[in-house]
N, C-alpha and C. Protein backbone atom coordinates (compact mmCIF):
# COMPACT_ATOMS: atom_id res chain seq x y z
N MET A 1 91.50 90.58 124.69
CA MET A 1 91.58 90.20 123.28
C MET A 1 93.00 90.43 122.76
N LEU A 2 93.52 89.45 122.05
CA LEU A 2 94.89 89.54 121.53
C LEU A 2 94.96 90.57 120.40
N SER A 3 96.09 91.25 120.33
CA SER A 3 96.30 92.22 119.24
C SER A 3 96.53 91.47 117.93
N ASP A 4 96.35 92.19 116.82
CA ASP A 4 96.61 91.60 115.50
C ASP A 4 98.05 91.11 115.41
N GLU A 5 98.96 91.90 115.99
CA GLU A 5 100.38 91.57 115.92
C GLU A 5 100.69 90.27 116.68
N SER A 6 100.04 90.11 117.86
CA SER A 6 100.23 88.87 118.64
C SER A 6 99.67 87.67 117.88
N LEU A 7 98.51 87.87 117.25
CA LEU A 7 97.91 86.78 116.46
C LEU A 7 98.82 86.39 115.30
N ALA A 8 99.45 87.38 114.69
CA ALA A 8 100.37 87.10 113.58
C ALA A 8 101.54 86.25 114.07
N CYS A 9 102.08 86.57 115.25
CA CYS A 9 103.20 85.81 115.81
C CYS A 9 102.77 84.38 116.13
N LYS A 10 101.57 84.24 116.71
CA LYS A 10 101.05 82.90 117.04
C LYS A 10 100.82 82.08 115.76
N SER A 11 100.32 82.77 114.72
CA SER A 11 100.10 82.09 113.43
C SER A 11 101.41 81.56 112.88
N LEU A 12 102.45 82.38 113.02
CA LEU A 12 103.77 81.99 112.53
C LEU A 12 104.30 80.76 113.26
N ASP A 13 103.87 80.62 114.52
CA ASP A 13 104.27 79.44 115.31
C ASP A 13 103.39 78.23 115.02
N GLY A 14 102.47 78.37 114.05
CA GLY A 14 101.66 77.23 113.63
C GLY A 14 100.27 77.17 114.25
N ASP A 15 99.87 78.25 114.95
CA ASP A 15 98.54 78.29 115.57
C ASP A 15 97.49 78.70 114.51
N MET A 16 96.79 77.71 113.95
CA MET A 16 95.84 77.99 112.87
C MET A 16 94.62 78.77 113.36
N SER A 17 94.24 78.59 114.62
CA SER A 17 93.07 79.34 115.14
C SER A 17 93.41 80.83 115.22
N ALA A 18 94.68 81.15 115.48
CA ALA A 18 95.11 82.55 115.51
C ALA A 18 95.02 83.14 114.10
N PHE A 19 95.42 82.36 113.09
CA PHE A 19 95.34 82.84 111.71
C PHE A 19 93.88 83.01 111.28
N GLU A 20 93.02 82.08 111.69
CA GLU A 20 91.59 82.19 111.38
C GLU A 20 91.00 83.47 111.96
N GLU A 21 91.45 83.81 113.17
CA GLU A 21 90.98 85.05 113.80
C GLU A 21 91.42 86.27 113.00
N LEU A 22 92.66 86.25 112.50
CA LEU A 22 93.15 87.35 111.65
C LEU A 22 92.31 87.46 110.38
N VAL A 23 92.01 86.30 109.78
CA VAL A 23 91.18 86.29 108.56
C VAL A 23 89.82 86.90 108.86
N ASN A 24 89.22 86.51 109.99
CA ASN A 24 87.91 87.04 110.36
C ASN A 24 87.94 88.55 110.57
N ARG A 25 89.02 89.03 111.16
CA ARG A 25 89.13 90.48 111.43
C ARG A 25 89.35 91.28 110.14
N TYR A 26 90.04 90.68 109.18
CA TYR A 26 90.46 91.45 108.01
C TYR A 26 89.76 91.10 106.70
N LYS A 27 88.90 90.08 106.71
CA LYS A 27 88.31 89.69 105.41
C LYS A 27 87.45 90.80 104.80
N ARG A 28 86.72 91.54 105.63
CA ARG A 28 85.88 92.61 105.08
C ARG A 28 86.70 93.79 104.54
N PRO A 29 87.62 94.34 105.36
CA PRO A 29 88.41 95.46 104.80
C PRO A 29 89.27 95.07 103.60
N VAL A 30 89.81 93.84 103.62
CA VAL A 30 90.62 93.40 102.47
C VAL A 30 89.74 93.26 101.23
N PHE A 31 88.58 92.63 101.39
CA PHE A 31 87.66 92.51 100.25
C PHE A 31 87.27 93.89 99.74
N SER A 32 87.03 94.79 100.67
CA SER A 32 86.62 96.15 100.32
C SER A 32 87.69 96.84 99.45
N ILE A 33 88.95 96.72 99.84
CA ILE A 33 90.05 97.30 99.04
C ILE A 33 90.05 96.69 97.64
N VAL A 34 90.00 95.37 97.59
CA VAL A 34 90.10 94.68 96.31
C VAL A 34 88.90 95.01 95.42
N TYR A 35 87.71 94.97 96.00
CA TYR A 35 86.50 95.23 95.21
C TYR A 35 86.50 96.65 94.65
N ARG A 36 86.91 97.61 95.48
CA ARG A 36 86.90 99.00 95.03
C ARG A 36 87.95 99.26 93.97
N MET A 37 88.99 98.46 93.96
CA MET A 37 90.01 98.60 92.91
C MET A 37 89.59 97.86 91.64
N ILE A 38 89.01 96.68 91.80
CA ILE A 38 88.72 95.79 90.66
C ILE A 38 87.34 96.06 90.07
N GLY A 39 86.34 96.22 90.94
CA GLY A 39 84.99 96.56 90.48
C GLY A 39 84.12 95.38 90.11
N GLN A 40 84.62 94.16 90.24
CA GLN A 40 83.80 92.98 89.92
C GLN A 40 83.79 92.05 91.14
N TYR A 41 82.59 91.73 91.59
CA TYR A 41 82.41 91.04 92.86
C TYR A 41 83.10 89.67 92.90
N GLN A 42 82.82 88.83 91.90
CA GLN A 42 83.37 87.47 91.89
C GLN A 42 84.90 87.48 91.83
N GLU A 43 85.42 88.33 90.97
CA GLU A 43 86.88 88.42 90.83
C GLU A 43 87.50 88.95 92.13
N ALA A 44 86.83 89.90 92.76
CA ALA A 44 87.33 90.44 94.03
C ALA A 44 87.37 89.37 95.11
N GLU A 45 86.36 88.49 95.12
CA GLU A 45 86.35 87.38 96.09
C GLU A 45 87.54 86.45 95.85
N ASP A 46 87.80 86.13 94.57
CA ASP A 46 88.92 85.25 94.24
C ASP A 46 90.26 85.87 94.66
N ILE A 47 90.42 87.16 94.36
CA ILE A 47 91.67 87.85 94.69
C ILE A 47 91.84 87.94 96.21
N THR A 48 90.73 88.17 96.93
CA THR A 48 90.78 88.24 98.39
C THR A 48 91.29 86.92 98.97
N GLN A 49 90.82 85.80 98.42
CA GLN A 49 91.32 84.49 98.87
C GLN A 49 92.82 84.37 98.61
N GLU A 50 93.24 84.81 97.44
CA GLU A 50 94.67 84.77 97.10
C GLU A 50 95.48 85.64 98.06
N VAL A 51 94.91 86.79 98.44
CA VAL A 51 95.60 87.69 99.38
C VAL A 51 95.88 86.97 100.69
N PHE A 52 94.88 86.25 101.22
CA PHE A 52 95.09 85.58 102.50
C PHE A 52 96.06 84.40 102.39
N ILE A 53 96.09 83.74 101.25
CA ILE A 53 97.09 82.68 101.02
C ILE A 53 98.49 83.33 101.03
N ASN A 54 98.57 84.46 100.33
CA ASN A 54 99.81 85.22 100.25
C ASN A 54 100.26 85.68 101.64
N VAL A 55 99.31 86.18 102.42
CA VAL A 55 99.60 86.65 103.78
C VAL A 55 100.18 85.51 104.61
N TYR A 56 99.55 84.34 104.53
CA TYR A 56 100.01 83.18 105.30
C TYR A 56 101.43 82.79 104.90
N GLU A 57 101.69 82.81 103.60
CA GLU A 57 103.01 82.43 103.10
C GLU A 57 104.09 83.46 103.44
N LYS A 58 103.68 84.74 103.60
CA LYS A 58 104.66 85.81 103.84
C LYS A 58 104.71 86.27 105.30
N LEU A 59 103.99 85.57 106.18
CA LEU A 59 103.95 86.00 107.58
C LEU A 59 105.34 86.17 108.20
N TYR A 60 106.28 85.34 107.76
CA TYR A 60 107.65 85.43 108.30
C TYR A 60 108.30 86.78 107.98
N GLN A 61 107.75 87.50 106.97
CA GLN A 61 108.31 88.81 106.61
C GLN A 61 107.72 89.94 107.46
N PHE A 62 106.65 89.63 108.19
CA PHE A 62 105.98 90.69 108.96
C PHE A 62 106.81 91.09 110.17
N ASP A 63 107.00 92.39 110.33
CA ASP A 63 107.73 92.93 111.49
C ASP A 63 106.72 93.19 112.61
N SER A 64 106.80 92.36 113.67
CA SER A 64 105.79 92.44 114.73
C SER A 64 105.89 93.72 115.57
N ASN A 65 106.93 94.52 115.33
CA ASN A 65 107.02 95.83 116.01
C ASN A 65 106.18 96.88 115.29
N LYS A 66 105.66 96.50 114.12
CA LYS A 66 104.84 97.44 113.35
C LYS A 66 103.39 96.97 113.37
N LYS A 67 102.50 97.81 112.87
CA LYS A 67 101.07 97.48 112.83
C LYS A 67 100.80 96.46 111.72
N PHE A 68 99.89 95.53 112.01
CA PHE A 68 99.56 94.48 111.04
C PHE A 68 98.70 95.03 109.90
N GLY A 69 97.76 95.96 110.23
CA GLY A 69 96.81 96.48 109.24
C GLY A 69 97.46 97.01 107.97
N PRO A 70 98.37 98.00 108.08
CA PRO A 70 99.00 98.53 106.87
C PRO A 70 99.74 97.47 106.06
N TRP A 71 100.31 96.47 106.76
CA TRP A 71 101.05 95.41 106.07
C TRP A 71 100.11 94.57 105.19
N ILE A 72 98.98 94.16 105.75
CA ILE A 72 98.04 93.34 104.96
C ILE A 72 97.36 94.18 103.88
N TYR A 73 97.12 95.46 104.16
CA TYR A 73 96.51 96.33 103.14
C TYR A 73 97.46 96.52 101.96
N ARG A 74 98.76 96.52 102.26
CA ARG A 74 99.74 96.66 101.18
C ARG A 74 99.69 95.44 100.25
N ILE A 75 99.58 94.26 100.85
CA ILE A 75 99.49 93.03 100.05
C ILE A 75 98.21 93.05 99.20
N ALA A 76 97.10 93.49 99.81
CA ALA A 76 95.82 93.56 99.09
C ALA A 76 95.89 94.57 97.95
N THR A 77 96.49 95.72 98.21
CA THR A 77 96.62 96.77 97.19
C THR A 77 97.49 96.29 96.03
N ASN A 78 98.62 95.66 96.36
CA ASN A 78 99.51 95.16 95.32
C ASN A 78 98.84 94.08 94.47
N ALA A 79 98.07 93.21 95.12
CA ALA A 79 97.35 92.15 94.39
C ALA A 79 96.33 92.77 93.43
N SER A 80 95.65 93.82 93.90
CA SER A 80 94.65 94.50 93.07
C SER A 80 95.30 95.19 91.87
N ILE A 81 96.43 95.87 92.13
CA ILE A 81 97.14 96.56 91.05
C ILE A 81 97.63 95.55 90.01
N SER A 82 98.16 94.41 90.48
CA SER A 82 98.63 93.37 89.55
C SER A 82 97.49 92.87 88.68
N ALA A 83 96.32 92.65 89.30
CA ALA A 83 95.15 92.16 88.54
C ALA A 83 94.71 93.19 87.51
N LEU A 84 94.73 94.48 87.88
CA LEU A 84 94.34 95.54 86.95
C LEU A 84 95.31 95.62 85.78
N ARG A 85 96.60 95.48 86.08
CA ARG A 85 97.61 95.57 85.01
C ARG A 85 97.49 94.42 84.03
N LYS A 86 97.10 93.25 84.54
CA LYS A 86 96.90 92.11 83.65
C LYS A 86 95.75 92.37 82.69
N LYS A 87 94.70 93.02 83.20
CA LYS A 87 93.52 93.29 82.36
C LYS A 87 93.73 94.48 81.45
N LYS A 88 94.54 95.42 81.94
CA LYS A 88 94.84 96.64 81.17
C LYS A 88 93.59 97.36 80.68
N LYS A 89 92.59 97.39 81.52
CA LYS A 89 91.40 98.19 81.18
C LYS A 89 90.74 98.65 82.47
N VAL A 90 89.95 99.68 82.36
CA VAL A 90 89.29 100.24 83.53
C VAL A 90 87.92 99.60 83.70
N ILE A 91 87.61 99.23 84.91
CA ILE A 91 86.32 98.62 85.22
C ILE A 91 85.43 99.65 85.90
N THR A 92 84.17 99.71 85.54
CA THR A 92 83.25 100.62 86.20
C THR A 92 82.63 99.92 87.41
N LEU A 93 82.73 100.57 88.54
CA LEU A 93 82.14 100.01 89.76
C LEU A 93 80.63 100.15 89.75
N ASP A 94 79.95 99.22 90.42
CA ASP A 94 78.52 99.41 90.66
C ASP A 94 78.42 100.52 91.68
N PHE A 95 77.82 101.65 91.29
CA PHE A 95 77.91 102.80 92.18
C PHE A 95 77.16 102.61 93.49
N ASP A 96 76.19 101.71 93.52
CA ASP A 96 75.45 101.54 94.78
C ASP A 96 76.25 100.74 95.80
N GLU A 97 77.33 100.07 95.36
CA GLU A 97 78.14 99.29 96.29
C GLU A 97 79.53 99.89 96.50
N ALA A 98 79.82 100.96 95.79
CA ALA A 98 81.19 101.41 95.72
C ALA A 98 81.71 102.12 96.95
N TYR A 99 80.83 102.70 97.76
CA TYR A 99 81.31 103.45 98.90
C TYR A 99 80.93 102.81 100.21
N GLY A 100 81.78 103.02 101.18
CA GLY A 100 81.54 102.48 102.51
C GLY A 100 80.98 103.52 103.45
N LYS A 101 81.36 103.41 104.70
CA LYS A 101 80.76 104.23 105.75
C LYS A 101 80.98 105.73 105.57
N ALA A 102 82.05 106.09 104.88
CA ALA A 102 82.34 107.52 104.73
C ALA A 102 81.20 108.26 104.04
N TYR A 103 80.48 107.55 103.17
CA TYR A 103 79.41 108.22 102.42
C TYR A 103 78.03 107.94 102.99
N GLU A 104 77.92 106.98 103.91
CA GLU A 104 76.59 106.58 104.37
C GLU A 104 75.88 107.71 105.11
N ASP A 105 76.62 108.38 106.02
CA ASP A 105 75.99 109.46 106.80
C ASP A 105 75.55 110.59 105.88
N TYR A 106 76.46 110.95 104.95
CA TYR A 106 76.15 112.02 104.00
C TYR A 106 74.94 111.66 103.15
N TYR A 107 74.89 110.41 102.76
CA TYR A 107 73.86 109.96 101.82
C TYR A 107 72.49 109.87 102.47
N THR A 108 72.45 109.54 103.78
CA THR A 108 71.15 109.35 104.44
C THR A 108 70.64 110.64 105.08
N ALA A 109 71.50 111.63 105.26
CA ALA A 109 71.03 112.90 105.85
C ALA A 109 70.00 113.54 104.92
N ASP A 110 68.99 114.16 105.50
CA ASP A 110 67.93 114.81 104.72
C ASP A 110 67.29 113.87 103.70
N SER A 111 67.13 112.60 104.08
CA SER A 111 66.60 111.61 103.13
C SER A 111 65.14 111.86 102.78
N GLY A 112 64.51 112.81 103.49
CA GLY A 112 63.12 113.12 103.17
C GLY A 112 62.99 114.03 101.95
N ASN A 113 64.09 114.57 101.47
CA ASN A 113 64.06 115.51 100.35
C ASN A 113 64.45 114.76 99.06
N PRO A 114 63.46 114.42 98.21
CA PRO A 114 63.75 113.63 97.00
C PRO A 114 64.75 114.30 96.05
N GLN A 115 64.66 115.61 95.90
CA GLN A 115 65.57 116.32 94.99
C GLN A 115 67.02 116.21 95.48
N LEU A 116 67.19 116.40 96.80
CA LEU A 116 68.52 116.31 97.39
C LEU A 116 69.07 114.90 97.26
N MET A 117 68.20 113.91 97.48
CA MET A 117 68.60 112.51 97.36
C MET A 117 69.04 112.21 95.92
N PHE A 118 68.28 112.74 94.95
CA PHE A 118 68.62 112.52 93.54
C PHE A 118 69.99 113.13 93.23
N GLU A 119 70.21 114.37 93.71
CA GLU A 119 71.47 115.07 93.44
C GLU A 119 72.65 114.30 94.05
N ARG A 120 72.43 113.77 95.26
CA ARG A 120 73.50 113.01 95.91
C ARG A 120 73.80 111.72 95.16
N GLU A 121 72.74 111.09 94.66
CA GLU A 121 72.93 109.86 93.89
C GLU A 121 73.72 110.16 92.61
N GLU A 122 73.38 111.29 91.99
CA GLU A 122 74.10 111.73 90.78
C GLU A 122 75.58 111.96 91.10
N LEU A 123 75.83 112.67 92.21
CA LEU A 123 77.20 112.97 92.61
C LEU A 123 77.98 111.68 92.85
N LYS A 124 77.34 110.73 93.53
CA LYS A 124 77.98 109.45 93.84
C LYS A 124 78.33 108.71 92.54
N PHE A 125 77.40 108.73 91.60
CA PHE A 125 77.63 108.06 90.31
C PHE A 125 78.81 108.70 89.57
N PHE A 126 78.79 110.03 89.49
CA PHE A 126 79.86 110.73 88.78
C PHE A 126 81.21 110.52 89.46
N THR A 127 81.19 110.50 90.80
CA THR A 127 82.44 110.32 91.54
C THR A 127 83.03 108.94 91.30
N ASP A 128 82.17 107.92 91.34
CA ASP A 128 82.65 106.55 91.07
C ASP A 128 83.24 106.45 89.67
N LYS A 129 82.54 107.03 88.72
CA LYS A 129 82.98 107.00 87.32
C LYS A 129 84.34 107.70 87.20
N ALA A 130 84.45 108.83 87.90
CA ALA A 130 85.69 109.61 87.85
C ALA A 130 86.85 108.86 88.49
N ILE A 131 86.60 108.18 89.61
CA ILE A 131 87.67 107.43 90.28
C ILE A 131 88.27 106.40 89.34
N ASN A 132 87.40 105.76 88.55
CA ASN A 132 87.89 104.74 87.62
C ASN A 132 88.65 105.33 86.44
N GLU A 133 88.52 106.64 86.23
CA GLU A 133 89.26 107.29 85.15
C GLU A 133 90.61 107.84 85.63
N LEU A 134 90.80 107.83 86.95
CA LEU A 134 92.06 108.34 87.50
C LEU A 134 93.21 107.38 87.16
N PRO A 135 94.42 107.92 87.03
CA PRO A 135 95.58 107.03 86.90
C PRO A 135 95.66 106.13 88.13
N GLU A 136 96.22 104.96 87.95
CA GLU A 136 96.28 103.94 89.00
C GLU A 136 96.81 104.47 90.33
N ASN A 137 97.93 105.25 90.30
CA ASN A 137 98.54 105.71 91.56
C ASN A 137 97.64 106.70 92.30
N TYR A 138 96.83 107.47 91.56
CA TYR A 138 95.87 108.38 92.21
C TYR A 138 94.68 107.60 92.74
N ARG A 139 94.23 106.63 91.97
CA ARG A 139 93.05 105.85 92.37
C ARG A 139 93.31 105.14 93.71
N VAL A 140 94.52 104.61 93.85
CA VAL A 140 94.88 103.88 95.08
C VAL A 140 94.82 104.81 96.29
N VAL A 141 95.41 106.01 96.18
CA VAL A 141 95.43 106.89 97.37
C VAL A 141 94.04 107.41 97.70
N ILE A 142 93.23 107.70 96.69
CA ILE A 142 91.85 108.15 96.95
C ILE A 142 91.07 107.06 97.66
N MET A 143 91.21 105.84 97.17
CA MET A 143 90.48 104.72 97.76
C MET A 143 90.92 104.47 99.20
N LEU A 144 92.24 104.48 99.45
CA LEU A 144 92.73 104.23 100.81
C LEU A 144 92.37 105.38 101.77
N ARG A 145 92.43 106.61 101.25
CA ARG A 145 92.20 107.78 102.11
C ARG A 145 90.72 107.98 102.42
N TYR A 146 89.88 107.95 101.40
CA TYR A 146 88.48 108.34 101.60
C TYR A 146 87.51 107.18 101.70
N GLN A 147 87.88 106.01 101.19
CA GLN A 147 86.97 104.87 101.28
C GLN A 147 87.39 103.91 102.39
N MET A 148 88.70 103.76 102.60
CA MET A 148 89.18 102.90 103.70
C MET A 148 89.46 103.71 104.96
N ASP A 149 89.40 105.04 104.84
CA ASP A 149 89.55 105.93 106.00
C ASP A 149 90.93 105.83 106.67
N LEU A 150 91.98 105.59 105.89
CA LEU A 150 93.34 105.57 106.45
C LEU A 150 93.90 106.99 106.43
N ASN A 151 94.78 107.30 107.40
CA ASN A 151 95.42 108.61 107.36
C ASN A 151 96.65 108.55 106.46
N ASN A 152 97.27 109.70 106.21
CA ASN A 152 98.38 109.76 105.25
C ASN A 152 99.57 108.89 105.67
N GLN A 153 99.84 108.84 106.99
CA GLN A 153 100.95 108.02 107.48
C GLN A 153 100.68 106.54 107.21
N GLU A 154 99.44 106.11 107.45
CA GLU A 154 99.07 104.71 107.21
C GLU A 154 99.16 104.36 105.72
N ILE A 155 98.71 105.31 104.87
CA ILE A 155 98.80 105.07 103.42
C ILE A 155 100.26 104.96 102.99
N ALA A 156 101.10 105.81 103.58
CA ALA A 156 102.54 105.77 103.28
C ALA A 156 103.11 104.39 103.62
N GLU A 157 102.68 103.82 104.75
CA GLU A 157 103.14 102.49 105.14
C GLU A 157 102.62 101.42 104.18
N VAL A 158 101.36 101.56 103.77
CA VAL A 158 100.77 100.59 102.84
C VAL A 158 101.52 100.59 101.51
N LEU A 159 101.84 101.79 101.02
CA LEU A 159 102.44 101.90 99.69
C LEU A 159 103.97 101.93 99.72
N GLY A 160 104.54 101.98 100.93
CA GLY A 160 105.99 101.94 101.05
C GLY A 160 106.68 103.20 100.55
N VAL A 161 106.03 104.35 100.76
CA VAL A 161 106.64 105.63 100.37
C VAL A 161 106.57 106.59 101.56
N SER A 162 107.12 107.80 101.39
CA SER A 162 107.11 108.75 102.51
C SER A 162 105.73 109.39 102.68
N LYS A 163 105.48 109.87 103.90
CA LYS A 163 104.21 110.56 104.19
C LYS A 163 104.08 111.80 103.31
N GLU A 164 105.20 112.49 103.08
CA GLU A 164 105.19 113.71 102.24
C GLU A 164 104.75 113.37 100.81
N ASN A 165 105.25 112.25 100.32
CA ASN A 165 104.87 111.79 98.97
C ASN A 165 103.36 111.59 98.90
N ILE A 166 102.79 110.98 99.95
CA ILE A 166 101.35 110.72 99.98
C ILE A 166 100.56 112.02 100.04
N GLU A 167 101.05 112.98 100.84
CA GLU A 167 100.34 114.28 100.94
C GLU A 167 100.24 114.95 99.57
N VAL A 168 101.35 114.91 98.83
CA VAL A 168 101.36 115.50 97.48
C VAL A 168 100.41 114.72 96.57
N ARG A 169 100.49 113.38 96.66
CA ARG A 169 99.69 112.54 95.78
C ARG A 169 98.19 112.70 96.05
N VAL A 170 97.81 112.77 97.35
CA VAL A 170 96.40 112.95 97.71
C VAL A 170 95.90 114.29 97.16
N HIS A 171 96.71 115.34 97.33
CA HIS A 171 96.33 116.67 96.84
C HIS A 171 96.11 116.65 95.32
N ARG A 172 97.05 116.04 94.61
CA ARG A 172 96.95 115.98 93.14
C ARG A 172 95.79 115.09 92.69
N ALA A 173 95.59 114.00 93.42
CA ALA A 173 94.50 113.08 93.08
C ALA A 173 93.14 113.77 93.27
N ARG A 174 93.01 114.54 94.35
CA ARG A 174 91.75 115.27 94.59
C ARG A 174 91.49 116.29 93.48
N LYS A 175 92.55 116.99 93.09
CA LYS A 175 92.40 117.97 92.00
C LYS A 175 91.98 117.28 90.71
N ALA A 176 92.64 116.17 90.40
CA ALA A 176 92.33 115.43 89.17
C ALA A 176 90.90 114.89 89.22
N LEU A 177 90.50 114.38 90.39
CA LEU A 177 89.16 113.83 90.56
C LEU A 177 88.10 114.92 90.38
N ARG A 178 88.37 116.06 91.00
CA ARG A 178 87.43 117.19 90.92
C ARG A 178 87.24 117.63 89.46
N LYS A 179 88.33 117.66 88.71
CA LYS A 179 88.30 118.07 87.31
C LYS A 179 87.44 117.11 86.48
N ILE A 180 87.64 115.80 86.71
CA ILE A 180 86.89 114.79 85.95
C ILE A 180 85.39 114.86 86.28
N VAL A 181 85.07 114.97 87.58
CA VAL A 181 83.65 115.04 87.99
C VAL A 181 83.00 116.28 87.39
N GLN A 182 83.72 117.42 87.46
CA GLN A 182 83.18 118.66 86.91
C GLN A 182 82.89 118.50 85.41
N LYS A 183 83.80 117.83 84.70
CA LYS A 183 83.63 117.62 83.26
C LYS A 183 82.38 116.78 82.98
N HIS A 184 82.20 115.70 83.77
CA HIS A 184 81.01 114.85 83.59
C HIS A 184 79.72 115.64 83.86
N TRP A 185 79.77 116.47 84.89
CA TRP A 185 78.58 117.28 85.21
C TRP A 185 78.25 118.23 84.08
N GLU A 186 79.29 118.88 83.56
CA GLU A 186 79.06 119.85 82.48
C GLU A 186 78.52 119.16 81.23
N GLU A 187 79.01 117.93 80.97
CA GLU A 187 78.52 117.17 79.83
C GLU A 187 77.03 116.86 79.96
N ARG A 188 76.60 116.69 81.22
CA ARG A 188 75.19 116.40 81.47
C ARG A 188 74.35 117.68 81.62
N GLY A 189 75.02 118.82 81.50
CA GLY A 189 74.31 120.09 81.62
C GLY A 189 73.96 120.45 83.04
N LEU A 190 74.69 119.88 84.00
CA LEU A 190 74.43 120.17 85.41
C LEU A 190 75.35 121.30 85.85
N GLN A 191 74.82 122.18 86.66
CA GLN A 191 75.58 123.37 87.04
C GLN A 191 76.00 123.38 88.51
N TYR A 192 75.92 122.23 89.19
CA TYR A 192 76.27 122.22 90.61
C TYR A 192 77.73 122.62 90.79
N GLU A 193 78.01 123.32 91.88
CA GLU A 193 79.39 123.68 92.20
C GLU A 193 79.96 122.64 93.15
N LEU A 194 81.14 122.12 92.83
CA LEU A 194 81.82 121.19 93.74
C LEU A 194 82.49 121.97 94.85
N PRO A 195 82.58 121.40 96.04
CA PRO A 195 83.31 122.06 97.12
C PRO A 195 84.77 122.21 96.72
N VAL A 196 85.40 123.27 97.15
CA VAL A 196 86.79 123.52 96.80
C VAL A 196 87.66 122.53 97.59
N SER A 197 88.66 121.96 96.91
CA SER A 197 89.58 121.01 97.57
C SER A 197 90.41 121.73 98.61
N ARG A 198 90.66 121.02 99.71
CA ARG A 198 91.53 121.60 100.74
C ARG A 198 92.78 120.79 100.84
């Protein structure tokens, strides 16, 4: 199987089947980034299409000595940020669709316990709500780190900053997120303790 980078080079040489293969490999993760940033399904689909048009037009800028994934994620992230800035308002995600595989195992464990399931659903709801209240630069790193499962180096490549910058930003974003979730819980009269950030 050809690597993403080889497919990108073939696409640049006019091989449309190679570009179609790239689209097939990346349409889900790209949509996932956009949807989690934007929060509206139809709009996320439209932006995802624009991302791939953008990718095709900018392929000549791609450095084939680097990984293709972070490059396309950067385009998707920038497109999402641009769309959010145009709207200048925060969108609430549908909490049942907001998380990917990172939460699935946690959410299905001990599914026989209704109280535990309810508490987890509450936590998921509060967390989604809190993510949307985060400043844009924190929201992006939380989404890339915990929902897209990228490591700090990959996020640094996506956002075009240093790995150290991302480490600081992730730490601050987690603290800010924890504070917002705790506030929502207290407003609801819930006394659960959040795990301490590491």
